[in-house]
Amino acid sequence: MPLRNVRSLALFSLFSLAGLAAFGCDDLHEFETTRGTVFRGEVVGSDSAPEQSSFIRTGFSSHTRMELEFDPEATGVDAESDENREEGAPGRVHTFTCPSNQSDCKADDGTTGPFDHARLEPIENLTHDALSEYTFPGFGRLKNYIFNVRFETAPEDGAAIARNATLFLSLMDTGKVEVRAISPSVLTADGQAVRFPALFGVFILGRQSR
């Protein structure tokens, strides 16, 4: 690797660590939502027709909104236990679209998207792997997480199909939360065609009242 690239990588790591230290690991509790607040935002790439995908969005309708309930201190909790499944630790994620004649709406007034108050499920083994310390190019990310999310796709005919998604969640020094949601497509029984599209969406969420 060229010396210049090594120096750049070293500086990036140094500034990232310095930023996190300045903010303070204990201050991540500032990202905890209460009963009266959620993190809410619209999927990136919503400048096309509702059912038309974009280069950075697929499987989510244009203008899909996401609401996130989150508790940073519960991210190490084993979500596989029955008790924590009831608690919903360390949070939940919900997607919806507003009626076509409304530019904004509450979640209860919208049409539910792929995630219906789905629980964020920590991946226990990640705590023992370097992937738990992943980051992105650039600055501003205080902490990154990876969660599993279970959801269902209900066809017009037949039983609902159980699916899984991976969420990459970043706490930003601006007080916002970035969420990247990824899930593979569902194929037909013969595996020759796509029955339901893959999911890929980037959401920029800000704290709002419910």
N, C-alpha and C. Protein backbone atom coordinates (compact mmCIF):
# COMPACT_ATOMS: atom_id res chain seq x y z
N MET A 1 0.85 -1.20 0.00
CA MET A 1 0.00 0.00 0.00
C MET A 1 0.89 1.25 0.00
N PRO A 2 0.64 2.22 -0.86
CA PRO A 2 1.44 3.44 -0.90
C PRO A 2 1.44 4.13 0.46
N LEU A 3 2.58 4.80 0.77
CA LEU A 3 2.74 5.46 2.05
C LEU A 3 1.66 6.51 2.28
N ARG A 4 1.28 7.22 1.21
CA ARG A 4 0.27 8.27 1.35
C ARG A 4 -1.06 7.68 1.80
N ASN A 5 -1.42 6.49 1.26
CA ASN A 5 -2.67 5.86 1.65
C ASN A 5 -2.63 5.38 3.10
N VAL A 6 -1.46 4.89 3.51
CA VAL A 6 -1.31 4.45 4.90
C VAL A 6 -1.51 5.62 5.84
N ARG A 7 -0.88 6.78 5.50
CA ARG A 7 -1.03 7.97 6.34
C ARG A 7 -2.48 8.42 6.40
N SER A 8 -3.18 8.37 5.26
CA SER A 8 -4.59 8.79 5.22
C SER A 8 -5.44 7.89 6.10
N LEU A 9 -5.19 6.57 6.02
CA LEU A 9 -5.96 5.63 6.82
C LEU A 9 -5.69 5.85 8.30
N ALA A 10 -4.43 6.12 8.65
CA ALA A 10 -4.09 6.36 10.05
C ALA A 10 -4.77 7.62 10.57
N LEU A 11 -4.78 8.68 9.76
CA LEU A 11 -5.43 9.92 10.17
C LEU A 11 -6.94 9.72 10.33
N PHE A 12 -7.54 8.97 9.40
CA PHE A 12 -8.98 8.70 9.47
C PHE A 12 -9.32 7.98 10.77
N SER A 13 -8.52 6.94 11.13
CA SER A 13 -8.76 6.19 12.35
C SER A 13 -8.59 7.07 13.57
N LEU A 14 -7.56 7.93 13.54
CA LEU A 14 -7.28 8.82 14.67
C LEU A 14 -8.44 9.79 14.90
N PHE A 15 -8.91 10.43 13.81
CA PHE A 15 -10.00 11.40 13.95
C PHE A 15 -11.30 10.72 14.37
N SER A 16 -11.55 9.50 13.87
CA SER A 16 -12.76 8.78 14.24
C SER A 16 -12.77 8.48 15.72
N LEU A 17 -11.62 8.00 16.25
CA LEU A 17 -11.52 7.69 17.66
C LEU A 17 -11.61 8.95 18.50
N ALA A 18 -10.99 10.04 18.02
CA ALA A 18 -11.03 11.30 18.75
C ALA A 18 -12.45 11.84 18.83
N GLY A 19 -13.20 11.70 17.73
CA GLY A 19 -14.58 12.18 17.72
C GLY A 19 -15.45 11.42 18.70
N LEU A 20 -15.26 10.11 18.74
CA LEU A 20 -16.04 9.30 19.66
C LEU A 20 -15.68 9.61 21.11
N ALA A 21 -14.37 9.83 21.35
CA ALA A 21 -13.94 10.14 22.71
C ALA A 21 -14.49 11.49 23.16
N ALA A 22 -14.52 12.46 22.22
CA ALA A 22 -15.02 13.79 22.57
C ALA A 22 -16.50 13.74 22.91
N PHE A 23 -17.25 12.95 22.13
CA PHE A 23 -18.68 12.85 22.39
C PHE A 23 -18.93 12.08 23.68
N GLY A 24 -18.09 11.02 23.87
CA GLY A 24 -18.22 10.23 25.09
C GLY A 24 -19.13 9.05 24.89
N CYS A 25 -18.60 7.85 25.15
CA CYS A 25 -19.39 6.64 24.99
C CYS A 25 -20.64 6.68 25.86
N ASP A 26 -20.51 7.30 27.07
CA ASP A 26 -21.65 7.35 27.97
C ASP A 26 -22.76 8.23 27.43
N ASP A 27 -22.45 9.12 26.47
CA ASP A 27 -23.45 10.03 25.95
C ASP A 27 -24.33 9.39 24.88
N LEU A 28 -24.05 8.14 24.52
CA LEU A 28 -24.89 7.48 23.54
C LEU A 28 -26.32 7.32 24.04
N HIS A 29 -26.52 7.46 25.35
CA HIS A 29 -27.88 7.37 25.88
C HIS A 29 -28.75 8.50 25.35
N GLU A 30 -28.12 9.54 24.78
CA GLU A 30 -28.88 10.63 24.18
C GLU A 30 -29.70 10.15 22.99
N PHE A 31 -29.36 8.97 22.46
CA PHE A 31 -30.08 8.41 21.32
C PHE A 31 -31.23 7.50 21.76
N GLU A 32 -31.43 7.39 23.05
CA GLU A 32 -32.54 6.57 23.54
C GLU A 32 -33.86 7.28 23.30
N THR A 33 -34.82 6.56 22.76
CA THR A 33 -36.14 7.15 22.55
C THR A 33 -37.00 6.90 23.79
N THR A 34 -37.92 7.81 24.01
CA THR A 34 -38.85 7.69 25.12
C THR A 34 -40.23 7.37 24.58
N ARG A 35 -41.20 7.25 25.47
CA ARG A 35 -42.56 6.96 25.03
C ARG A 35 -43.13 8.06 24.13
N GLY A 36 -42.59 9.26 24.27
CA GLY A 36 -43.14 10.37 23.49
C GLY A 36 -42.36 10.70 22.24
N THR A 37 -41.25 9.99 21.97
CA THR A 37 -40.42 10.32 20.81
C THR A 37 -40.02 9.07 20.03
N VAL A 38 -39.71 9.29 18.76
CA VAL A 38 -39.14 8.26 17.90
C VAL A 38 -38.14 8.95 16.98
N PHE A 39 -37.32 8.17 16.30
CA PHE A 39 -36.54 8.68 15.19
C PHE A 39 -37.33 8.38 13.92
N ARG A 40 -37.55 9.43 13.10
CA ARG A 40 -38.40 9.27 11.91
C ARG A 40 -37.74 9.92 10.71
N GLY A 41 -37.90 9.31 9.54
CA GLY A 41 -37.36 9.88 8.32
C GLY A 41 -37.82 9.11 7.10
N GLU A 42 -37.55 9.70 5.94
CA GLU A 42 -38.01 9.15 4.65
C GLU A 42 -36.87 8.45 3.93
N VAL A 43 -37.21 7.41 3.18
CA VAL A 43 -36.20 6.68 2.43
C VAL A 43 -35.54 7.58 1.38
N VAL A 44 -34.25 7.46 1.23
CA VAL A 44 -33.51 8.24 0.24
C VAL A 44 -33.87 7.73 -1.16
N GLY A 45 -33.96 8.65 -2.12
CA GLY A 45 -34.28 8.26 -3.50
C GLY A 45 -35.77 8.22 -3.76
N SER A 46 -36.50 9.16 -3.16
CA SER A 46 -37.96 9.19 -3.31
C SER A 46 -38.43 10.18 -4.36
N ASP A 47 -37.62 10.39 -5.38
CA ASP A 47 -37.98 11.36 -6.42
C ASP A 47 -38.55 10.68 -7.65
N SER A 48 -39.09 9.47 -7.49
CA SER A 48 -39.70 8.76 -8.62
C SER A 48 -41.11 8.34 -8.24
N ALA A 49 -41.81 7.71 -9.17
CA ALA A 49 -43.17 7.24 -8.92
C ALA A 49 -43.16 6.27 -7.74
N PRO A 50 -44.27 6.17 -7.00
CA PRO A 50 -44.30 5.38 -5.77
C PRO A 50 -43.75 3.96 -5.90
N GLU A 51 -44.12 3.24 -6.95
CA GLU A 51 -43.70 1.84 -7.08
C GLU A 51 -42.48 1.67 -7.97
N GLN A 52 -41.87 2.77 -8.39
CA GLN A 52 -40.68 2.69 -9.25
C GLN A 52 -39.42 2.78 -8.41
N SER A 53 -38.51 1.83 -8.60
CA SER A 53 -37.27 1.82 -7.84
C SER A 53 -36.33 2.90 -8.35
N SER A 54 -35.31 3.20 -7.54
CA SER A 54 -34.25 4.11 -7.95
C SER A 54 -32.93 3.38 -7.77
N PHE A 55 -31.82 4.04 -8.14
CA PHE A 55 -30.52 3.38 -8.04
C PHE A 55 -30.14 3.10 -6.59
N ILE A 56 -30.79 3.75 -5.64
CA ILE A 56 -30.43 3.55 -4.23
C ILE A 56 -31.63 3.07 -3.40
N ARG A 57 -32.70 2.70 -4.07
CA ARG A 57 -33.89 2.24 -3.35
C ARG A 57 -34.61 1.17 -4.15
N THR A 58 -34.90 0.04 -3.52
CA THR A 58 -35.71 -0.99 -4.14
C THR A 58 -36.48 -1.75 -3.06
N GLY A 59 -37.68 -2.14 -3.37
CA GLY A 59 -38.50 -2.87 -2.40
C GLY A 59 -39.25 -1.98 -1.43
N PHE A 60 -38.84 -0.73 -1.33
CA PHE A 60 -39.55 0.27 -0.53
C PHE A 60 -40.20 1.27 -1.48
N SER A 61 -41.48 1.51 -1.30
CA SER A 61 -42.16 2.49 -2.14
C SER A 61 -41.56 3.87 -1.93
N SER A 62 -41.64 4.70 -2.97
CA SER A 62 -41.19 6.08 -2.85
C SER A 62 -41.91 6.75 -1.68
N HIS A 63 -41.15 7.55 -0.91
CA HIS A 63 -41.66 8.28 0.26
C HIS A 63 -42.03 7.36 1.43
N THR A 64 -41.50 6.14 1.42
CA THR A 64 -41.68 5.29 2.61
C THR A 64 -41.01 5.95 3.81
N ARG A 65 -41.71 5.99 4.90
CA ARG A 65 -41.18 6.55 6.14
C ARG A 65 -40.82 5.42 7.10
N MET A 66 -39.80 5.68 7.90
CA MET A 66 -39.39 4.72 8.92
C MET A 66 -39.44 5.38 10.29
N GLU A 67 -39.93 4.65 11.27
CA GLU A 67 -39.88 5.07 12.66
C GLU A 67 -39.04 4.06 13.44
N LEU A 68 -38.13 4.58 14.25
CA LEU A 68 -37.22 3.75 15.02
C LEU A 68 -37.38 4.04 16.51
N GLU A 69 -37.63 3.00 17.29
CA GLU A 69 -37.52 3.06 18.74
C GLU A 69 -36.19 2.41 19.10
N PHE A 70 -35.41 3.06 19.96
CA PHE A 70 -34.04 2.56 20.16
C PHE A 70 -33.55 2.83 21.57
N ASP A 71 -32.82 1.85 22.11
CA ASP A 71 -32.16 1.98 23.40
C ASP A 71 -30.73 1.48 23.26
N PRO A 72 -29.74 2.39 23.13
CA PRO A 72 -28.35 1.97 22.93
C PRO A 72 -27.82 1.07 24.04
N GLU A 73 -28.32 1.24 25.25
CA GLU A 73 -27.81 0.45 26.36
C GLU A 73 -28.32 -0.98 26.34
N ALA A 74 -29.30 -1.27 25.50
CA ALA A 74 -29.85 -2.63 25.42
C ALA A 74 -29.35 -3.39 24.21
N THR A 75 -28.37 -2.83 23.49
CA THR A 75 -27.93 -3.48 22.25
C THR A 75 -27.16 -4.76 22.49
N GLY A 76 -26.69 -4.98 23.71
CA GLY A 76 -25.99 -6.23 24.00
C GLY A 76 -26.90 -7.29 24.57
N VAL A 77 -28.20 -6.98 24.69
CA VAL A 77 -29.15 -7.92 25.26
C VAL A 77 -29.47 -9.02 24.27
N ASP A 78 -29.60 -10.24 24.77
CA ASP A 78 -29.93 -11.38 23.92
C ASP A 78 -31.40 -11.32 23.53
N ALA A 79 -31.67 -10.92 22.30
CA ALA A 79 -33.06 -10.78 21.84
C ALA A 79 -33.71 -12.12 21.54
N GLU A 80 -32.94 -13.22 21.65
CA GLU A 80 -33.51 -14.53 21.36
C GLU A 80 -34.37 -15.03 22.52
N SER A 81 -34.19 -14.50 23.72
CA SER A 81 -34.95 -14.99 24.86
C SER A 81 -36.40 -14.54 24.76
N ASP A 82 -37.29 -15.35 25.30
CA ASP A 82 -38.71 -15.02 25.24
C ASP A 82 -39.01 -13.71 25.95
N GLU A 83 -38.32 -13.49 27.09
CA GLU A 83 -38.56 -12.27 27.86
C GLU A 83 -38.22 -11.03 27.05
N ASN A 84 -37.08 -11.05 26.36
CA ASN A 84 -36.66 -9.89 25.61
C ASN A 84 -37.44 -9.72 24.33
N ARG A 85 -37.99 -10.80 23.81
CA ARG A 85 -38.86 -10.67 22.64
C ARG A 85 -40.10 -9.87 23.04
N GLU A 86 -40.59 -10.10 24.26
CA GLU A 86 -41.75 -9.34 24.72
C GLU A 86 -41.37 -7.88 24.95
N GLU A 87 -40.17 -7.66 25.46
CA GLU A 87 -39.72 -6.29 25.73
C GLU A 87 -39.41 -5.54 24.44
N GLY A 88 -39.02 -6.28 23.39
CA GLY A 88 -38.66 -5.63 22.14
C GLY A 88 -37.27 -5.04 22.15
N ALA A 89 -36.42 -5.44 23.09
CA ALA A 89 -35.07 -4.90 23.19
C ALA A 89 -34.26 -5.31 21.98
N PRO A 90 -33.38 -4.40 21.51
CA PRO A 90 -33.13 -3.04 21.98
C PRO A 90 -33.95 -1.98 21.24
N GLY A 91 -34.99 -2.41 20.53
CA GLY A 91 -35.83 -1.44 19.85
C GLY A 91 -36.69 -2.10 18.80
N ARG A 92 -37.39 -1.26 18.06
CA ARG A 92 -38.26 -1.73 16.98
C ARG A 92 -38.17 -0.77 15.80
N VAL A 93 -38.54 -1.27 14.64
CA VAL A 93 -38.54 -0.45 13.44
C VAL A 93 -39.86 -0.67 12.71
N HIS A 94 -40.41 0.44 12.21
CA HIS A 94 -41.71 0.40 11.54
C HIS A 94 -41.64 1.25 10.28
N THR A 95 -42.21 0.76 9.19
CA THR A 95 -42.24 1.52 7.93
C THR A 95 -43.68 1.71 7.48
N PHE A 96 -43.93 2.83 6.81
CA PHE A 96 -45.28 3.12 6.33
C PHE A 96 -45.22 4.19 5.25
N THR A 97 -46.28 4.27 4.47
CA THR A 97 -46.44 5.35 3.49
C THR A 97 -47.74 6.09 3.80
N CYS A 98 -47.72 7.38 3.55
CA CYS A 98 -48.90 8.21 3.81
C CYS A 98 -49.88 8.12 2.65
N PRO A 99 -51.14 8.44 2.88
CA PRO A 99 -52.12 8.51 1.78
C PRO A 99 -51.63 9.45 0.69
N SER A 100 -51.99 9.19 -0.55
CA SER A 100 -51.48 9.95 -1.69
C SER A 100 -51.83 11.43 -1.63
N ASN A 101 -52.89 11.77 -0.89
CA ASN A 101 -53.30 13.17 -0.81
C ASN A 101 -52.72 13.89 0.40
N GLN A 102 -51.77 13.23 1.10
CA GLN A 102 -51.14 13.83 2.27
C GLN A 102 -49.63 13.79 2.13
N SER A 103 -48.99 14.92 2.40
CA SER A 103 -47.53 14.97 2.32
C SER A 103 -46.88 14.43 3.58
N ASP A 104 -47.66 14.36 4.66
CA ASP A 104 -47.14 13.81 5.91
C ASP A 104 -48.31 13.23 6.69
N CYS A 105 -48.01 12.30 7.59
CA CYS A 105 -49.07 11.67 8.38
C CYS A 105 -48.44 10.93 9.55
N LYS A 106 -49.27 10.53 10.49
CA LYS A 106 -48.83 9.68 11.58
C LYS A 106 -48.80 8.22 11.09
N ALA A 107 -47.98 7.41 11.76
CA ALA A 107 -47.83 6.02 11.34
C ALA A 107 -49.18 5.29 11.34
N ASP A 108 -50.04 5.60 12.32
CA ASP A 108 -51.33 4.90 12.41
C ASP A 108 -52.25 5.25 11.26
N ASP A 109 -51.99 6.38 10.58
CA ASP A 109 -52.83 6.80 9.47
C ASP A 109 -52.28 6.35 8.12
N GLY A 110 -51.09 5.73 8.12
CA GLY A 110 -50.46 5.33 6.88
C GLY A 110 -50.66 3.85 6.58
N THR A 111 -50.13 3.45 5.42
CA THR A 111 -50.17 2.05 5.00
C THR A 111 -48.86 1.39 5.40
N THR A 112 -48.94 0.31 6.14
CA THR A 112 -47.75 -0.34 6.66
C THR A 112 -46.87 -0.88 5.54
N GLY A 113 -45.57 -0.63 5.67
CA GLY A 113 -44.60 -1.13 4.69
C GLY A 113 -44.05 -2.48 5.10
N PRO A 114 -42.85 -2.83 4.63
CA PRO A 114 -42.30 -4.16 4.92
C PRO A 114 -42.15 -4.45 6.42
N PHE A 115 -41.72 -3.47 7.20
CA PHE A 115 -41.48 -3.69 8.62
C PHE A 115 -42.65 -3.18 9.45
N ASP A 116 -43.26 -4.07 10.21
CA ASP A 116 -44.41 -3.73 11.01
C ASP A 116 -44.04 -3.85 12.49
N HIS A 117 -43.47 -2.78 13.05
CA HIS A 117 -43.01 -2.77 14.43
C HIS A 117 -42.11 -3.97 14.71
N ALA A 118 -41.22 -4.23 13.78
CA ALA A 118 -40.33 -5.38 13.86
C ALA A 118 -39.22 -5.14 14.89
N ARG A 119 -38.89 -6.16 15.65
CA ARG A 119 -37.87 -6.05 16.68
C ARG A 119 -36.47 -6.03 16.07
N LEU A 120 -35.60 -5.22 16.66
CA LEU A 120 -34.18 -5.26 16.32
C LEU A 120 -33.56 -6.40 17.11
N GLU A 121 -32.95 -7.35 16.42
CA GLU A 121 -32.37 -8.50 17.09
C GLU A 121 -30.85 -8.45 16.99
N PRO A 122 -30.16 -8.27 18.13
CA PRO A 122 -28.69 -8.27 18.10
C PRO A 122 -28.16 -9.63 17.65
N ILE A 123 -26.97 -9.61 17.05
CA ILE A 123 -26.31 -10.84 16.62
C ILE A 123 -25.20 -11.12 17.63
N GLU A 124 -25.45 -12.07 18.51
CA GLU A 124 -24.57 -12.28 19.66
C GLU A 124 -23.12 -12.52 19.27
N ASN A 125 -22.89 -13.31 18.23
CA ASN A 125 -21.52 -13.65 17.85
C ASN A 125 -20.71 -12.46 17.37
N LEU A 126 -21.39 -11.38 16.94
CA LEU A 126 -20.68 -10.20 16.47
C LEU A 126 -19.83 -9.57 17.56
N THR A 127 -20.21 -9.77 18.82
CA THR A 127 -19.43 -9.17 19.91
C THR A 127 -18.03 -9.77 20.00
N HIS A 128 -17.82 -10.90 19.33
CA HIS A 128 -16.52 -11.56 19.36
C HIS A 128 -15.80 -11.44 18.02
N ASP A 129 -16.31 -10.58 17.14
CA ASP A 129 -15.75 -10.48 15.79
C ASP A 129 -15.44 -9.02 15.47
N ALA A 130 -14.39 -8.82 14.65
CA ALA A 130 -13.98 -7.46 14.28
C ALA A 130 -15.07 -6.72 13.50
N LEU A 131 -16.00 -7.44 12.89
CA LEU A 131 -17.07 -6.79 12.14
C LEU A 131 -17.92 -5.88 13.03
N SER A 132 -17.94 -6.16 14.32
CA SER A 132 -18.71 -5.31 15.24
C SER A 132 -18.15 -3.90 15.32
N GLU A 133 -16.92 -3.69 14.83
CA GLU A 133 -16.29 -2.36 14.85
C GLU A 133 -16.27 -1.72 13.46
N TYR A 134 -17.14 -2.19 12.57
CA TYR A 134 -17.12 -1.67 11.20
C TYR A 134 -17.43 -0.18 11.18
N THR A 135 -16.99 0.48 10.11
CA THR A 135 -17.31 1.89 9.92
C THR A 135 -17.42 2.18 8.43
N PHE A 136 -17.74 3.44 8.09
CA PHE A 136 -17.87 3.88 6.71
C PHE A 136 -16.82 4.96 6.44
N PRO A 137 -16.48 5.19 5.18
CA PRO A 137 -15.61 6.33 4.86
C PRO A 137 -16.26 7.64 5.30
N GLY A 138 -15.44 8.60 5.66
CA GLY A 138 -15.95 9.88 6.10
C GLY A 138 -16.06 9.94 7.61
N PHE A 139 -16.51 11.08 8.11
CA PHE A 139 -16.56 11.30 9.54
C PHE A 139 -18.01 11.45 10.00
N GLY A 140 -18.18 11.51 11.31
CA GLY A 140 -19.49 11.82 11.86
C GLY A 140 -20.22 10.66 12.47
N ARG A 141 -19.72 9.43 12.29
CA ARG A 141 -20.39 8.27 12.86
C ARG A 141 -19.81 7.96 14.23
N LEU A 142 -20.66 8.00 15.24
CA LEU A 142 -20.21 7.76 16.60
C LEU A 142 -20.19 6.28 16.94
N LYS A 143 -21.17 5.55 16.44
CA LYS A 143 -21.26 4.12 16.72
C LYS A 143 -22.10 3.46 15.64
N ASN A 144 -21.68 2.27 15.21
CA ASN A 144 -22.40 1.51 14.19
C ASN A 144 -22.86 0.17 14.76
N TYR A 145 -24.03 -0.25 14.34
CA TYR A 145 -24.59 -1.52 14.81
C TYR A 145 -25.09 -2.33 13.61
N ILE A 146 -25.20 -3.64 13.81
CA ILE A 146 -25.82 -4.53 12.84
C ILE A 146 -26.89 -5.33 13.57
N PHE A 147 -28.10 -5.32 13.03
CA PHE A 147 -29.21 -6.06 13.63
C PHE A 147 -29.89 -6.94 12.57
N ASN A 148 -30.48 -8.03 13.05
CA ASN A 148 -31.41 -8.81 12.24
C ASN A 148 -32.82 -8.31 12.49
N VAL A 149 -33.66 -8.38 11.47
CA VAL A 149 -35.07 -8.02 11.59
C VAL A 149 -35.88 -9.07 10.86
N ARG A 150 -36.91 -9.58 11.51
CA ARG A 150 -37.82 -10.53 10.89
C ARG A 150 -39.07 -9.79 10.43
N PHE A 151 -39.54 -10.12 9.23
CA PHE A 151 -40.76 -9.49 8.72
C PHE A 151 -41.47 -10.46 7.79
N GLU A 152 -42.64 -10.09 7.36
CA GLU A 152 -43.43 -10.95 6.48
C GLU A 152 -43.88 -10.19 5.24
N THR A 153 -43.95 -10.91 4.14
CA THR A 153 -44.55 -10.40 2.91
C THR A 153 -45.80 -11.21 2.64
N ALA A 154 -46.94 -10.54 2.56
CA ALA A 154 -48.22 -11.23 2.39
C ALA A 154 -48.68 -11.16 0.94
N PRO A 155 -48.65 -12.27 0.20
CA PRO A 155 -49.16 -12.27 -1.17
C PRO A 155 -50.68 -12.14 -1.18
N GLU A 156 -51.23 -11.76 -2.31
CA GLU A 156 -52.68 -11.63 -2.41
C GLU A 156 -53.37 -12.97 -2.24
N ASP A 157 -52.69 -14.03 -2.65
CA ASP A 157 -53.25 -15.37 -2.49
C ASP A 157 -52.20 -16.25 -1.79
N GLY A 158 -52.60 -16.86 -0.71
CA GLY A 158 -51.68 -17.72 0.00
C GLY A 158 -51.22 -17.14 1.32
N ALA A 159 -50.45 -17.95 2.04
CA ALA A 159 -49.98 -17.57 3.37
C ALA A 159 -48.83 -16.57 3.28
N ALA A 160 -48.66 -15.81 4.38
CA ALA A 160 -47.57 -14.85 4.44
C ALA A 160 -46.23 -15.57 4.39
N ILE A 161 -45.23 -14.90 3.81
CA ILE A 161 -43.90 -15.47 3.66
C ILE A 161 -42.97 -14.83 4.68
N ALA A 162 -42.38 -15.65 5.53
CA ALA A 162 -41.45 -15.14 6.54
C ALA A 162 -40.13 -14.78 5.86
N ARG A 163 -39.63 -13.57 6.19
CA ARG A 163 -38.38 -13.10 5.59
C ARG A 163 -37.48 -12.49 6.67
N ASN A 164 -36.22 -12.30 6.31
CA ASN A 164 -35.26 -11.69 7.22
C ASN A 164 -34.54 -10.55 6.52
N ALA A 165 -34.24 -9.51 7.28
CA ALA A 165 -33.48 -8.38 6.76
C ALA A 165 -32.33 -8.08 7.71
N THR A 166 -31.30 -7.44 7.17
CA THR A 166 -30.18 -6.96 7.98
C THR A 166 -30.22 -5.45 7.99
N LEU A 167 -30.14 -4.87 9.18
CA LEU A 167 -30.13 -3.42 9.32
C LEU A 167 -28.77 -2.97 9.82
N PHE A 168 -28.20 -1.98 9.11
CA PHE A 168 -26.94 -1.35 9.51
C PHE A 168 -27.32 0.03 10.05
N LEU A 169 -27.13 0.22 11.32
CA LEU A 169 -27.60 1.42 12.00
C LEU A 169 -26.41 2.24 12.50
N SER A 170 -26.40 3.52 12.16
CA SER A 170 -25.30 4.41 12.55
C SER A 170 -25.83 5.58 13.35
N LEU A 171 -25.23 5.81 14.52
CA LEU A 171 -25.53 6.99 15.33
C LEU A 171 -24.60 8.10 14.89
N MET A 172 -25.15 9.25 14.50
CA MET A 172 -24.36 10.33 13.92
C MET A 172 -24.12 11.44 14.94
N ASP A 173 -23.00 12.18 14.76
CA ASP A 173 -22.70 13.26 15.69
C ASP A 173 -23.63 14.46 15.51
N THR A 174 -24.50 14.42 14.50
CA THR A 174 -25.51 15.46 14.32
C THR A 174 -26.76 15.18 15.15
N GLY A 175 -26.80 14.02 15.81
CA GLY A 175 -27.98 13.62 16.55
C GLY A 175 -28.95 12.81 15.73
N LYS A 176 -28.65 12.62 14.44
CA LYS A 176 -29.49 11.81 13.57
C LYS A 176 -29.05 10.35 13.59
N VAL A 177 -29.87 9.50 12.99
CA VAL A 177 -29.57 8.07 12.87
C VAL A 177 -29.72 7.67 11.41
N GLU A 178 -28.70 7.00 10.87
CA GLU A 178 -28.78 6.45 9.52
C GLU A 178 -29.08 4.96 9.61
N VAL A 179 -30.02 4.51 8.80
CA VAL A 179 -30.36 3.09 8.77
C VAL A 179 -30.31 2.61 7.32
N ARG A 180 -29.58 1.52 7.10
CA ARG A 180 -29.55 0.84 5.81
C ARG A 180 -30.19 -0.51 5.97
N ALA A 181 -31.24 -0.78 5.21
CA ALA A 181 -31.98 -2.03 5.31
C ALA A 181 -31.77 -2.86 4.05
N ILE A 182 -31.39 -4.11 4.23
CA ILE A 182 -31.07 -4.99 3.11
C ILE A 182 -31.73 -6.35 3.32
N SER A 183 -32.37 -6.87 2.29
CA SER A 183 -32.96 -8.21 2.35
C SER A 183 -32.99 -8.80 0.94
N PRO A 184 -32.69 -10.09 0.78
CA PRO A 184 -32.72 -10.69 -0.55
C PRO A 184 -34.14 -10.83 -1.08
N SER A 185 -34.25 -11.01 -2.37
CA SER A 185 -35.55 -11.19 -3.01
C SER A 185 -36.12 -12.57 -2.68
N VAL A 186 -37.40 -12.74 -2.97
CA VAL A 186 -38.07 -14.04 -2.82
C VAL A 186 -38.29 -14.59 -4.23
N LEU A 187 -37.80 -15.79 -4.47
CA LEU A 187 -37.93 -16.40 -5.79
C LEU A 187 -39.16 -17.29 -5.87
N THR A 188 -39.56 -17.59 -7.07
CA THR A 188 -40.64 -18.55 -7.30
C THR A 188 -40.15 -19.94 -6.91
N ALA A 189 -41.08 -20.89 -6.82
CA ALA A 189 -40.74 -22.24 -6.36
C ALA A 189 -39.65 -22.89 -7.21
N ASP A 190 -39.62 -22.59 -8.51
CA ASP A 190 -38.61 -23.20 -9.38
C ASP A 190 -37.30 -22.41 -9.39
N GLY A 191 -37.30 -21.28 -8.68
CA GLY A 191 -36.08 -20.49 -8.58
C GLY A 191 -35.71 -19.75 -9.85
N GLN A 192 -36.62 -19.65 -10.80
CA GLN A 192 -36.31 -19.05 -12.09
C GLN A 192 -36.75 -17.60 -12.23
N ALA A 193 -37.55 -17.11 -11.28
CA ALA A 193 -38.06 -15.74 -11.39
C ALA A 193 -38.19 -15.13 -9.99
N VAL A 194 -38.22 -13.81 -9.96
CA VAL A 194 -38.37 -13.10 -8.70
C VAL A 194 -39.85 -12.91 -8.41
N ARG A 195 -40.27 -13.42 -7.25
CA ARG A 195 -41.67 -13.28 -6.85
C ARG A 195 -41.89 -11.97 -6.11
N PHE A 196 -40.97 -11.65 -5.21
CA PHE A 196 -41.01 -10.38 -4.48
C PHE A 196 -39.61 -9.80 -4.51
N PRO A 197 -39.49 -8.49 -4.75
CA PRO A 197 -38.17 -7.89 -4.94
C PRO A 197 -37.35 -7.85 -3.66
N ALA A 198 -36.04 -7.70 -3.85
CA ALA A 198 -35.15 -7.49 -2.72
C ALA A 198 -35.45 -6.14 -2.07
N LEU A 199 -34.98 -5.97 -0.86
CA LEU A 199 -35.09 -4.68 -0.19
C LEU A 199 -33.71 -4.03 -0.12
N PHE A 200 -33.68 -2.76 -0.47
CA PHE A 200 -32.51 -1.93 -0.19
C PHE A 200 -33.00 -0.52 -0.01
N GLY A 201 -32.71 0.02 1.16
CA GLY A 201 -33.14 1.38 1.43
C GLY A 201 -32.25 2.06 2.44
N VAL A 202 -32.02 3.35 2.25
CA VAL A 202 -31.24 4.17 3.17
C VAL A 202 -32.19 5.21 3.77
N PHE A 203 -32.23 5.27 5.07
CA PHE A 203 -33.13 6.20 5.77
C PHE A 203 -32.30 7.12 6.67
N ILE A 204 -32.58 8.41 6.61
CA ILE A 204 -31.96 9.39 7.49
C ILE A 204 -33.02 9.82 8.49
N LEU A 205 -32.84 9.48 9.76
CA LEU A 205 -33.87 9.66 10.76
C LEU A 205 -33.49 10.76 11.76
N GLY A 206 -34.46 11.60 12.08
CA GLY A 206 -34.28 12.62 13.10
C GLY A 206 -35.29 12.41 14.22
N ARG A 207 -34.95 12.87 15.41
CA ARG A 207 -35.86 12.69 16.53
C ARG A 207 -37.10 13.57 16.36
N GLN A 208 -38.25 12.96 16.55
CA GLN A 208 -39.52 13.68 16.46
C GLN A 208 -40.47 13.16 17.52
N SER A 209 -41.46 13.98 17.84
CA SER A 209 -42.49 13.52 18.75
C SER A 209 -43.43 12.58 18.01
N ARG A 210 -44.07 11.71 18.74
CA ARG A 210 -44.99 10.74 18.11
C ARG A 210 -46.23 11.44 17.57
